[in-house]
Amino acid sequence: MTKLTRAQAREIRTLQRMRDEEIDFTDIPLTVDWSKAVVGKFYRPIKTSLTIRLDADVLAWLKGQGAGYQTRINALLRNAMESSGSAATSRAAHLAKRLQSRPVKTA
């Protein structure tokens, strides 16, 4: 990432001091077509490390589909959780949101 010029840094400081209503957005084109928008593109849920035991054939099948088998396991589990529609799903989603809203402790 390139470093900001002094003029860019000054402009950003000026914008930060302004209220939203004071900023002139007229030079930004209006986005009318949102058909290519991706919901949650930059959403990154908190991950937790764990040890899990899987049947050897299940693991071989997952790994046989190429790189990213852990991501596939997570996607399969998320799909099962979301499609269950149970109260446990609501509790899990609520807990996940609470965990994500906590400040990160640094040493």
PDB file of N, CA and C in Angstrom:
ATOM      1  N   MET A   1       0.840  -1.164   0.000  1.00  0.00           N
ATOM      2  CA  MET A   1       0.000   0.000   0.000  1.00  0.00           C
ATOM      3  C   MET A   1       0.893   1.237   0.000  1.00  0.00           C
ATOM      4  N   THR A   2       0.587   2.195  -0.851  1.00  0.00           N
ATOM      5  CA  THR A   2       1.411   3.384  -0.943  1.00  0.00           C
ATOM      6  C   THR A   2       1.065   4.364   0.166  1.00  0.00           C
ATOM      7  N   LYS A   3       2.059   5.134   0.557  1.00  0.00           N
ATOM      8  CA  LYS A   3       1.882   6.114   1.613  1.00  0.00           C
ATOM      9  C   LYS A   3       1.141   7.331   1.067  1.00  0.00           C
ATOM     10  N   LEU A   4       0.319   7.935   1.909  1.00  0.00           N
ATOM     11  CA  LEU A   4      -0.434   9.124   1.504  1.00  0.00           C
ATOM     12  C   LEU A   4       0.502  10.313   1.326  1.00  0.00           C
ATOM     13  N   THR A   5       0.162  11.158   0.385  1.00  0.00           N
ATOM     14  CA  THR A   5       0.888  12.421   0.246  1.00  0.00           C
ATOM     15  C   THR A   5       0.412  13.363   1.344  1.00  0.00           C
ATOM     16  N   ARG A   6       1.121  14.436   1.557  1.00  0.00           N
ATOM     17  CA  ARG A   6       0.713  15.409   2.581  1.00  0.00           C
ATOM     18  C   ARG A   6      -0.644  15.998   2.241  1.00  0.00           C
ATOM     19  N   ALA A   7      -0.877  16.258   0.959  1.00  0.00           N
ATOM     20  CA  ALA A   7      -2.159  16.830   0.537  1.00  0.00           C
ATOM     21  C   ALA A   7      -3.305  15.853   0.814  1.00  0.00           C
ATOM     22  N   GLN A   8      -3.083  14.567   0.540  1.00  0.00           N
ATOM     23  CA  GLN A   8      -4.118  13.565   0.798  1.00  0.00           C
ATOM     24  C   GLN A   8      -4.402  13.450   2.295  1.00  0.00           C
ATOM     25  N   ALA A   9      -3.341  13.434   3.100  1.00  0.00           N
ATOM     26  CA  ALA A   9      -3.507  13.341   4.550  1.00  0.00           C
ATOM     27  C   ALA A   9      -4.262  14.549   5.084  1.00  0.00           C
ATOM     28  N   ARG A  10      -3.948  15.749   4.558  1.00  0.00           N
ATOM     29  CA  ARG A  10      -4.628  16.977   4.969  1.00  0.00           C
ATOM     30  C   ARG A  10      -6.110  16.908   4.592  1.00  0.00           C
ATOM     31  N   GLU A  11      -6.407  16.412   3.389  1.00  0.00           N
ATOM     32  CA  GLU A  11      -7.799  16.303   2.943  1.00  0.00           C
ATOM     33  C   GLU A  11      -8.581  15.321   3.821  1.00  0.00           C
ATOM     34  N   ILE A  12      -7.963  14.222   4.176  1.00  0.00           N
ATOM     35  CA  ILE A  12      -8.623  13.238   5.046  1.00  0.00           C
ATOM     36  C   ILE A  12      -8.891  13.845   6.421  1.00  0.00           C
ATOM     37  N   ARG A  13      -7.923  14.555   6.970  1.00  0.00           N
ATOM     38  CA  ARG A  13      -8.142  15.203   8.277  1.00  0.00           C
ATOM     39  C   ARG A  13      -9.294  16.196   8.207  1.00  0.00           C
ATOM     40  N   THR A  14      -9.352  16.951   7.113  1.00  0.00           N
ATOM     41  CA  THR A  14     -10.434  17.914   6.927  1.00  0.00           C
ATOM     42  C   THR A  14     -11.784  17.203   6.875  1.00  0.00           C
ATOM     43  N   LEU A  15     -11.862  16.100   6.123  1.00  0.00           N
ATOM     44  CA  LEU A  15     -13.112  15.341   6.023  1.00  0.00           C
ATOM     45  C   LEU A  15     -13.514  14.732   7.365  1.00  0.00           C
ATOM     46  N   GLN A  16     -12.530  14.274   8.133  1.00  0.00           N
ATOM     47  CA  GLN A  16     -12.829  13.674   9.430  1.00  0.00           C
ATOM     48  C   GLN A  16     -13.452  14.685  10.395  1.00  0.00           C
ATOM     49  N   ARG A  17     -13.078  15.947  10.257  1.00  0.00           N
ATOM     50  CA  ARG A  17     -13.621  16.990  11.138  1.00  0.00           C
ATOM     51  C   ARG A  17     -15.028  17.414  10.731  1.00  0.00           C
ATOM     52  N   MET A  18     -15.435  17.104   9.501  1.00  0.00           N
ATOM     53  CA  MET A  18     -16.738  17.535   8.996  1.00  0.00           C
ATOM     54  C   MET A  18     -17.841  16.578   9.428  1.00  0.00           C
ATOM     55  N   ARG A  19     -19.055  17.127   9.591  1.00  0.00           N
ATOM     56  CA  ARG A  19     -20.224  16.291   9.807  1.00  0.00           C
ATOM     57  C   ARG A  19     -20.617  15.701   8.459  1.00  0.00           C
ATOM     58  N   ASP A  20     -21.310  14.577   8.458  1.00  0.00           N
ATOM     59  CA  ASP A  20     -21.723  13.920   7.221  1.00  0.00           C
ATOM     60  C   ASP A  20     -22.513  14.854   6.306  1.00  0.00           C
ATOM     61  N   GLU A  21     -23.368  15.669   6.911  1.00  0.00           N
ATOM     62  CA  GLU A  21     -24.223  16.568   6.125  1.00  0.00           C
ATOM     63  C   GLU A  21     -23.414  17.632   5.384  1.00  0.00           C
ATOM     64  N   GLU A  22     -22.223  17.909   5.853  1.00  0.00           N
ATOM     65  CA  GLU A  22     -21.389  18.951   5.251  1.00  0.00           C
ATOM     66  C   GLU A  22     -20.547  18.459   4.078  1.00  0.00           C
ATOM     67  N   ILE A  23     -20.430  17.158   3.922  1.00  0.00           N
ATOM     68  CA  ILE A  23     -19.578  16.600   2.862  1.00  0.00           C
ATOM     69  C   ILE A  23     -20.331  16.613   1.539  1.00  0.00           C
ATOM     70  N   ASP A  24     -19.663  17.104   0.500  1.00  0.00           N
ATOM     71  CA  ASP A  24     -20.256  17.197  -0.837  1.00  0.00           C
ATOM     72  C   ASP A  24     -19.997  15.894  -1.597  1.00  0.00           C
ATOM     73  N   PHE A  25     -21.063  15.149  -1.871  1.00  0.00           N
ATOM     74  CA  PHE A  25     -20.965  13.878  -2.591  1.00  0.00           C
ATOM     75  C   PHE A  25     -21.383  14.004  -4.053  1.00  0.00           C
ATOM     76  N   THR A  26     -21.590  15.220  -4.553  1.00  0.00           N
ATOM     77  CA  THR A  26     -22.141  15.398  -5.900  1.00  0.00           C
ATOM     78  C   THR A  26     -21.222  14.903  -6.997  1.00  0.00           C
ATOM     79  N   ASP A  27     -19.921  14.796  -6.731  1.00  0.00           N
ATOM     80  CA  ASP A  27     -19.002  14.312  -7.766  1.00  0.00           C
ATOM     81  C   ASP A  27     -18.910  12.790  -7.808  1.00  0.00           C
ATOM     82  N   ILE A  28     -19.633  12.119  -6.917  1.00  0.00           N
ATOM     83  CA  ILE A  28     -19.648  10.654  -6.902  1.00  0.00           C
ATOM     84  C   ILE A  28     -20.871  10.177  -7.678  1.00  0.00           C
ATOM     85  N   PRO A  29     -20.662   9.321  -8.688  1.00  0.00           N
ATOM     86  CA  PRO A  29     -21.820   8.876  -9.474  1.00  0.00           C
ATOM     87  C   PRO A  29     -22.787   8.046  -8.625  1.00  0.00           C
ATOM     88  N   LEU A  30     -24.062   8.210  -8.867  1.00  0.00           N
ATOM     89  CA  LEU A  30     -25.103   7.480  -8.170  1.00  0.00           C
ATOM     90  C   LEU A  30     -25.102   6.026  -8.651  1.00  0.00           C
ATOM     91  N   THR A  31     -25.059   5.087  -7.716  1.00  0.00           N
ATOM     92  CA  THR A  31     -25.104   3.675  -8.068  1.00  0.00           C
ATOM     93  C   THR A  31     -26.565   3.251  -8.125  1.00  0.00           C
ATOM     94  N   VAL A  32     -27.000   2.861  -9.300  1.00  0.00           N
ATOM     95  CA  VAL A  32     -28.388   2.463  -9.493  1.00  0.00           C
ATOM     96  C   VAL A  32     -28.495   0.942  -9.596  1.00  0.00           C
ATOM     97  N   ASP A  33     -27.501   0.327 -10.203  1.00  0.00           N
ATOM     98  CA  ASP A  33     -27.530  -1.117 -10.428  1.00  0.00           C
ATOM     99  C   ASP A  33     -26.738  -1.838  -9.337  1.00  0.00           C
ATOM    100  N   TRP A  34     -27.445  -2.481  -8.426  1.00  0.00           N
ATOM    101  CA  TRP A  34     -26.805  -3.230  -7.340  1.00  0.00           C
ATOM    102  C   TRP A  34     -26.826  -4.733  -7.611  1.00  0.00           C
ATOM    103  N   SER A  35     -27.089  -5.125  -8.862  1.00  0.00           N
ATOM    104  CA  SER A  35     -27.235  -6.551  -9.172  1.00  0.00           C
ATOM    105  C   SER A  35     -25.937  -7.339  -8.966  1.00  0.00           C
ATOM    106  N   LYS A  36     -24.797  -6.668  -9.015  1.00  0.00           N
ATOM    107  CA  LYS A  36     -23.520  -7.375  -8.837  1.00  0.00           C
ATOM    108  C   LYS A  36     -22.957  -7.199  -7.431  1.00  0.00           C
ATOM    109  N   ALA A  37     -23.743  -6.595  -6.558  1.00  0.00           N
ATOM    110  CA  ALA A  37     -23.299  -6.398  -5.181  1.00  0.00           C
ATOM    111  C   ALA A  37     -23.228  -7.741  -4.465  1.00  0.00           C
ATOM    112  N   VAL A  38     -22.265  -7.872  -3.576  1.00  0.00           N
ATOM    113  CA  VAL A  38     -22.084  -9.103  -2.820  1.00  0.00           C
ATOM    114  C   VAL A  38     -22.292  -8.787  -1.345  1.00  0.00           C
ATOM    115  N   VAL A  39     -23.293  -9.397  -0.754  1.00  0.00           N
ATOM    116  CA  VAL A  39     -23.581  -9.185   0.659  1.00  0.00           C
ATOM    117  C   VAL A  39     -22.560  -9.943   1.490  1.00  0.00           C
ATOM    118  N   GLY A  40     -21.987  -9.272   2.458  1.00  0.00           N
ATOM    119  CA  GLY A  40     -21.049  -9.918   3.374  1.00  0.00           C
ATOM    120  C   GLY A  40     -19.693 -10.207   2.783  1.00  0.00           C
ATOM    121  N   LYS A  41     -19.312  -9.529   1.704  1.00  0.00           N
ATOM    122  CA  LYS A  41     -18.048  -9.809   1.027  1.00  0.00           C
ATOM    123  C   LYS A  41     -16.858  -9.657   1.971  1.00  0.00           C
ATOM    124  N   PHE A  42     -16.908  -8.683   2.855  1.00  0.00           N
ATOM    125  CA  PHE A  42     -15.778  -8.422   3.737  1.00  0.00           C
ATOM    126  C   PHE A  42     -16.021  -8.915   5.160  1.00  0.00           C
ATOM    127  N   TYR A  43     -17.102  -9.657   5.370  1.00  0.00           N
ATOM    128  CA  TYR A  43     -17.419 -10.207   6.682  1.00  0.00           C
ATOM    129  C   TYR A  43     -16.487 -11.375   6.977  1.00  0.00           C
ATOM    130  N   ARG A  44     -15.821 -11.318   8.091  1.00  0.00           N
ATOM    131  CA  ARG A  44     -14.929 -12.397   8.500  1.00  0.00           C
ATOM    132  C   ARG A  44     -15.287 -12.833   9.911  1.00  0.00           C
ATOM    133  N   PRO A  45     -16.021 -13.948  10.044  1.00  0.00           N
ATOM    134  CA  PRO A  45     -16.379 -14.386  11.399  1.00  0.00           C
ATOM    135  C   PRO A  45     -15.141 -14.830  12.174  1.00  0.00           C
ATOM    136  N   ILE A  46     -15.252 -14.729  13.486  1.00  0.00           N
ATOM    137  CA  ILE A  46     -14.158 -15.165  14.349  1.00  0.00           C
ATOM    138  C   ILE A  46     -14.017 -16.678  14.242  1.00  0.00           C
ATOM    139  N   LYS A  47     -12.807 -17.141  14.062  1.00  0.00           N
ATOM    140  CA  LYS A  47     -12.534 -18.573  13.963  1.00  0.00           C
ATOM    141  C   LYS A  47     -11.974 -19.066  15.296  1.00  0.00           C
ATOM    142  N   THR A  48     -12.296 -20.302  15.627  1.00  0.00           N
ATOM    143  CA  THR A  48     -11.804 -20.939  16.838  1.00  0.00           C
ATOM    144  C   THR A  48     -11.088 -22.221  16.454  1.00  0.00           C
ATOM    145  N   SER A  49      -9.893 -22.403  16.987  1.00  0.00           N
ATOM    146  CA  SER A  49      -9.137 -23.625  16.716  1.00  0.00           C
ATOM    147  C   SER A  49      -9.699 -24.770  17.549  1.00  0.00           C
ATOM    148  N   LEU A  50      -9.766 -25.945  16.951  1.00  0.00           N
ATOM    149  CA  LEU A  50     -10.199 -27.116  17.693  1.00  0.00           C
ATOM    150  C   LEU A  50      -9.632 -28.371  17.045  1.00  0.00           C
ATOM    151  N   THR A  51      -9.692 -29.437  17.800  1.00  0.00           N
ATOM    152  CA  THR A  51      -9.306 -30.743  17.281  1.00  0.00           C
ATOM    153  C   THR A  51     -10.583 -31.526  17.072  1.00  0.00           C
ATOM    154  N   ILE A  52     -10.708 -32.138  15.909  1.00  0.00           N
ATOM    155  CA  ILE A  52     -11.917 -32.887  15.586  1.00  0.00           C
ATOM    156  C   ILE A  52     -11.497 -34.238  14.991  1.00  0.00           C
ATOM    157  N   ARG A  53     -12.227 -35.270  15.342  1.00  0.00           N
ATOM    158  CA  ARG A  53     -11.944 -36.595  14.792  1.00  0.00           C
ATOM    159  C   ARG A  53     -12.983 -36.905  13.726  1.00  0.00           C
ATOM    160  N   LEU A  54     -12.495 -37.220  12.535  1.00  0.00           N
ATOM    161  CA  LEU A  54     -13.369 -37.555  11.417  1.00  0.00           C
ATOM    162  C   LEU A  54     -13.037 -38.951  10.936  1.00  0.00           C
ATOM    163  N   ASP A  55     -14.004 -39.614  10.359  1.00  0.00           N
ATOM    164  CA  ASP A  55     -13.734 -40.900   9.737  1.00  0.00           C
ATOM    165  C   ASP A  55     -12.740 -40.675   8.597  1.00  0.00           C
ATOM    166  N   ALA A  56     -11.830 -41.636   8.426  1.00  0.00           N
ATOM    167  CA  ALA A  56     -10.764 -41.497   7.426  1.00  0.00           C
ATOM    168  C   ALA A  56     -11.325 -41.296   6.021  1.00  0.00           C
ATOM    169  N   ASP A  57     -12.411 -41.999   5.690  1.00  0.00           N
ATOM    170  CA  ASP A  57     -12.967 -41.859   4.340  1.00  0.00           C
ATOM    171  C   ASP A  57     -13.609 -40.493   4.127  1.00  0.00           C
ATOM    172  N   VAL A  58     -14.188 -39.924   5.193  1.00  0.00           N
ATOM    173  CA  VAL A  58     -14.784 -38.590   5.090  1.00  0.00           C
ATOM    174  C   VAL A  58     -13.680 -37.559   4.862  1.00  0.00           C
ATOM    175  N   LEU A  59     -12.600 -37.660   5.627  1.00  0.00           N
ATOM    176  CA  LEU A  59     -11.487 -36.738   5.465  1.00  0.00           C
ATOM    177  C   LEU A  59     -10.853 -36.876   4.085  1.00  0.00           C
ATOM    178  N   ALA A  60     -10.698 -38.111   3.617  1.00  0.00           N
ATOM    179  CA  ALA A  60     -10.133 -38.329   2.277  1.00  0.00           C
ATOM    180  C   ALA A  60     -11.024 -37.694   1.207  1.00  0.00           C
ATOM    181  N   TRP A  61     -12.328 -37.803   1.375  1.00  0.00           N
ATOM    182  CA  TRP A  61     -13.261 -37.210   0.413  1.00  0.00           C
ATOM    183  C   TRP A  61     -13.129 -35.683   0.408  1.00  0.00           C
ATOM    184  N   LEU A  62     -13.063 -35.092   1.600  1.00  0.00           N
ATOM    185  CA  LEU A  62     -12.923 -33.639   1.704  1.00  0.00           C
ATOM    186  C   LEU A  62     -11.603 -33.163   1.092  1.00  0.00           C
ATOM    187  N   LYS A  63     -10.511 -33.832   1.446  1.00  0.00           N
ATOM    188  CA  LYS A  63      -9.205 -33.441   0.918  1.00  0.00           C
ATOM    189  C   LYS A  63      -9.098 -33.725  -0.573  1.00  0.00           C
ATOM    190  N   GLY A  64      -9.813 -34.730  -1.044  1.00  0.00           N
ATOM    191  CA  GLY A  64      -9.777 -35.098  -2.456  1.00  0.00           C
ATOM    192  C   GLY A  64     -10.389 -34.039  -3.368  1.00  0.00           C
ATOM    193  N   GLN A  65     -11.119 -33.111  -2.794  1.00  0.00           N
ATOM    194  CA  GLN A  65     -11.729 -32.032  -3.589  1.00  0.00           C
ATOM    195  C   GLN A  65     -10.778 -30.856  -3.775  1.00  0.00           C
ATOM    196  N   GLY A  66      -9.559 -30.983  -3.286  1.00  0.00           N
ATOM    197  CA  GLY A  66      -8.571 -29.923  -3.457  1.00  0.00           C
ATOM    198  C   GLY A  66      -8.349 -29.145  -2.176  1.00  0.00           C
ATOM    199  N   ALA A  67      -7.556 -28.093  -2.311  1.00  0.00           N
ATOM    200  CA  ALA A  67      -7.202 -27.264  -1.155  1.00  0.00           C
ATOM    201  C   ALA A  67      -8.460 -26.654  -0.535  1.00  0.00           C
ATOM    202  N   GLY A  68      -8.381 -26.400   0.764  1.00  0.00           N
ATOM    203  CA  GLY A  68      -9.486 -25.747   1.451  1.00  0.00           C
ATOM    204  C   GLY A  68     -10.457 -26.701   2.120  1.00  0.00           C
ATOM    205  N   TYR A  69      -9.988 -27.872   2.521  1.00  0.00           N
ATOM    206  CA  TYR A  69     -10.915 -28.839   3.114  1.00  0.00           C
ATOM    207  C   TYR A  69     -11.487 -28.344   4.438  1.00  0.00           C
ATOM    208  N   GLN A  70     -10.716 -27.561   5.203  1.00  0.00           N
ATOM    209  CA  GLN A  70     -11.234 -27.042   6.470  1.00  0.00           C
ATOM    210  C   GLN A  70     -12.352 -26.024   6.216  1.00  0.00           C
ATOM    211  N   THR A  71     -12.192 -25.243   5.174  1.00  0.00           N
ATOM    212  CA  THR A  71     -13.240 -24.293   4.798  1.00  0.00           C
ATOM    213  C   THR A  71     -14.494 -25.039   4.375  1.00  0.00           C
ATOM    214  N   ARG A  72     -14.326 -26.155   3.660  1.00  0.00           N
ATOM    215  CA  ARG A  72     -15.479 -26.966   3.257  1.00  0.00           C
ATOM    216  C   ARG A  72     -16.175 -27.569   4.475  1.00  0.00           C
ATOM    217  N   ILE A  73     -15.401 -28.045   5.444  1.00  0.00           N
ATOM    218  CA  ILE A  73     -16.000 -28.584   6.672  1.00  0.00           C
ATOM    219  C   ILE A  73     -16.836 -27.498   7.343  1.00  0.00           C
ATOM    220  N   ASN A  74     -16.271 -26.295   7.454  1.00  0.00           N
ATOM    221  CA  ASN A  74     -16.994 -25.190   8.084  1.00  0.00           C
ATOM    222  C   ASN A  74     -18.273 -24.872   7.311  1.00  0.00           C
ATOM    223  N   ALA A  75     -18.192 -24.839   5.981  1.00  0.00           N
ATOM    224  CA  ALA A  75     -19.362 -24.525   5.159  1.00  0.00           C
ATOM    225  C   ALA A  75     -20.444 -25.591   5.323  1.00  0.00           C
ATOM    226  N   LEU A  76     -20.042 -26.862   5.366  1.00  0.00           N
ATOM    227  CA  LEU A  76     -21.010 -27.945   5.552  1.00  0.00           C
ATOM    228  C   LEU A  76     -21.695 -27.834   6.912  1.00  0.00           C
ATOM    229  N   LEU A  77     -20.917 -27.555   7.943  1.00  0.00           N
ATOM    230  CA  LEU A  77     -21.485 -27.413   9.283  1.00  0.00           C
ATOM    231  C   LEU A  77     -22.384 -26.182   9.384  1.00  0.00           C
ATOM    232  N   ARG A  78     -21.963 -25.063   8.770  1.00  0.00           N
ATOM    233  CA  ARG A  78     -22.784 -23.853   8.791  1.00  0.00           C
ATOM    234  C   ARG A  78     -24.106 -24.093   8.077  1.00  0.00           C
ATOM    235  N   ASN A  79     -24.042 -24.777   6.939  1.00  0.00           N
ATOM    236  CA  ASN A  79     -25.253 -25.078   6.177  1.00  0.00           C
ATOM    237  C   ASN A  79     -26.207 -25.926   7.027  1.00  0.00           C
ATOM    238  N   ALA A  80     -25.675 -26.941   7.701  1.00  0.00           N
ATOM    239  CA  ALA A  80     -26.503 -27.787   8.564  1.00  0.00           C
ATOM    240  C   ALA A  80     -27.101 -26.976   9.704  1.00  0.00           C
ATOM    241  N   MET A  81     -26.291 -26.077  10.297  1.00  0.00           N
ATOM    242  CA  MET A  81     -26.776 -25.250  11.396  1.00  0.00           C
ATOM    243  C   MET A  81     -27.901 -24.327  10.933  1.00  0.00           C
ATOM    244  N   GLU A  82     -27.693 -23.658   9.806  1.00  0.00           N
ATOM    245  CA  GLU A  82     -28.679 -22.693   9.321  1.00  0.00           C
ATOM    246  C   GLU A  82     -29.952 -23.364   8.815  1.00  0.00           C
ATOM    247  N   SER A  83     -29.825 -24.562   8.273  1.00  0.00           N
ATOM    248  CA  SER A  83     -31.015 -25.232   7.749  1.00  0.00           C
ATOM    249  C   SER A  83     -31.804 -25.953   8.838  1.00  0.00           C
ATOM    250  N   SER A  84     -31.217 -26.105  10.034  1.00  0.00           N
ATOM    251  CA  SER A  84     -31.928 -26.793  11.108  1.00  0.00           C
ATOM    252  C   SER A  84     -33.100 -25.966  11.622  1.00  0.00           C
ATOM    253  N   GLY A  85     -32.964 -24.630  11.586  1.00  0.00           N
ATOM    254  CA  GLY A  85     -34.054 -23.753  11.997  1.00  0.00           C
ATOM    255  C   GLY A  85     -34.454 -23.913  13.450  1.00  0.00           C
ATOM    256  N   SER A  86     -33.606 -24.457  14.263  1.00  0.00           N
ATOM    257  CA  SER A  86     -33.957 -24.707  15.662  1.00  0.00           C
ATOM    258  C   SER A  86     -33.594 -23.518  16.539  1.00  0.00           C
ATOM    259  N   ALA A  87     -34.017 -23.583  17.774  1.00  0.00           N
ATOM    260  CA  ALA A  87     -33.669 -22.544  18.744  1.00  0.00           C
ATOM    261  C   ALA A  87     -32.168 -22.531  18.983  1.00  0.00           C
ATOM    262  N   ALA A  88     -31.542 -23.691  18.855  1.00  0.00           N
ATOM    263  CA  ALA A  88     -30.084 -23.765  19.036  1.00  0.00           C
ATOM    264  C   ALA A  88     -29.376 -22.918  17.991  1.00  0.00           C
ATOM    265  N   THR A  89     -29.923 -22.860  16.784  1.00  0.00           N
ATOM    266  CA  THR A  89     -29.343 -22.041  15.730  1.00  0.00           C
ATOM    267  C   THR A  89     -29.373 -20.583  16.131  1.00  0.00           C
ATOM    268  N   SER A  90     -30.504 -20.141  16.679  1.00  0.00           N
ATOM    269  CA  SER A  90     -30.631 -18.753  17.121  1.00  0.00           C
ATOM    270  C   SER A  90     -29.655 -18.452  18.240  1.00  0.00           C
ATOM    271  N   ARG A  91     -29.530 -19.377  19.184  1.00  0.00           N
ATOM    272  CA  ARG A  91     -28.589 -19.171  20.285  1.00  0.00           C
ATOM    273  C   ARG A  91     -27.168 -19.117  19.773  1.00  0.00           C
ATOM    274  N   ALA A  92     -26.808 -19.991  18.826  1.00  0.00           N
ATOM    275  CA  ALA A  92     -25.455 -20.006  18.275  1.00  0.00           C
ATOM    276  C   ALA A  92     -25.153 -18.701  17.541  1.00  0.00           C
ATOM    277  N   ALA A  93     -26.100 -18.207  16.766  1.00  0.00           N
ATOM    278  CA  ALA A  93     -25.913 -16.946  16.046  1.00  0.00           C
ATOM    279  C   ALA A  93     -25.768 -15.792  17.030  1.00  0.00           C
ATOM    280  N   HIS A  94     -26.596 -15.792  18.085  1.00  0.00           N
ATOM    281  CA  HIS A  94     -26.530 -14.741  19.098  1.00  0.00           C
ATOM    282  C   HIS A  94     -25.176 -14.771  19.805  1.00  0.00           C
ATOM    283  N   LEU A  95     -24.702 -15.951  20.173  1.00  0.00           N
ATOM    284  CA  LEU A  95     -23.415 -16.092  20.844  1.00  0.00           C
ATOM    285  C   LEU A  95     -22.289 -15.628  19.934  1.00  0.00           C
ATOM    286  N   ALA A  96     -22.340 -16.005  18.670  1.00  0.00           N
ATOM    287  CA  ALA A  96     -21.304 -15.592  17.724  1.00  0.00           C
ATOM    288  C   ALA A  96     -21.241 -14.073  17.606  1.00  0.00           C
ATOM    289  N   LYS A  97     -22.403 -13.417  17.543  1.00  0.00           N
ATOM    290  CA  LYS A  97     -22.432 -11.948  17.457  1.00  0.00           C
ATOM    291  C   LYS A  97     -21.846 -11.322  18.718  1.00  0.00           C
ATOM    292  N   ARG A  98     -22.177 -11.900  19.875  1.00  0.00           N
ATOM    293  CA  ARG A  98     -21.638 -11.365  21.126  1.00  0.00           C
ATOM    294  C   ARG A  98     -20.131 -11.499  21.167  1.00  0.00           C
ATOM    295  N   LEU A  99     -19.613 -12.643  20.721  1.00  0.00           N
ATOM    296  CA  LEU A  99     -18.168 -12.850  20.717  1.00  0.00           C
ATOM    297  C   LEU A  99     -17.463 -11.881  19.781  1.00  0.00           C
ATOM    298  N   GLN A 100     -18.089 -11.607  18.629  1.00  0.00           N
ATOM    299  CA  GLN A 100     -17.472 -10.711  17.663  1.00  0.00           C
ATOM    300  C   GLN A 100     -17.476  -9.266  18.125  1.00  0.00           C
ATOM    301  N   SER A 101     -18.427  -8.888  18.991  1.00  0.00           N
ATOM    302  CA  SER A 101     -18.514  -7.509  19.426  1.00  0.00           C
ATOM    303  C   SER A 101     -17.575  -7.207  20.587  1.00  0.00           C
ATOM    304  N   ARG A 102     -16.964  -8.231  21.148  1.00  0.00           N
ATOM    305  CA  ARG A 102     -16.052  -8.017  22.271  1.00  0.00           C
ATOM    306  C   ARG A 102     -14.747  -7.414  21.755  1.00  0.00           C
ATOM    307  N   PRO A 103     -14.157  -6.498  22.552  1.00  0.00           N
ATOM    308  CA  PRO A 103     -12.880  -5.934  22.145  1.00  0.00           C
ATOM    309  C   PRO A 103     -11.788  -7.000  22.189  1.00  0.00           C
ATOM    310  N   VAL A 104     -10.857  -6.910  21.287  1.00  0.00           N
ATOM    311  CA  VAL A 104      -9.756  -7.859  21.222  1.00  0.00           C
ATOM    312  C   VAL A 104      -8.715  -7.472  22.251  1.00  0.00           C
ATOM    313  N   LYS A 105      -8.342  -8.421  23.092  1.00  0.00           N
ATOM    314  CA  LYS A 105      -7.338  -8.152  24.115  1.00  0.00           C
ATOM    315  C   LYS A 105      -5.958  -8.369  23.512  1.00  0.00           C
ATOM    316  N   THR A 106      -5.066  -7.418  23.735  1.00  0.00           N
ATOM    317  CA  THR A 106      -3.693  -7.565  23.257  1.00  0.00           C
ATOM    318  C   THR A 106      -2.765  -7.634  24.433  1.00  0.00           C
ATOM    319  N   ALA A 107      -1.695  -8.376  24.268  1.00  0.00           N
ATOM    320  CA  ALA A 107      -0.758  -8.560  25.371  1.00  0.00           C
ATOM    321  C   ALA A 107       0.207  -7.405  25.469  1.00  0.00           C
TER     322      ALA A 107
END
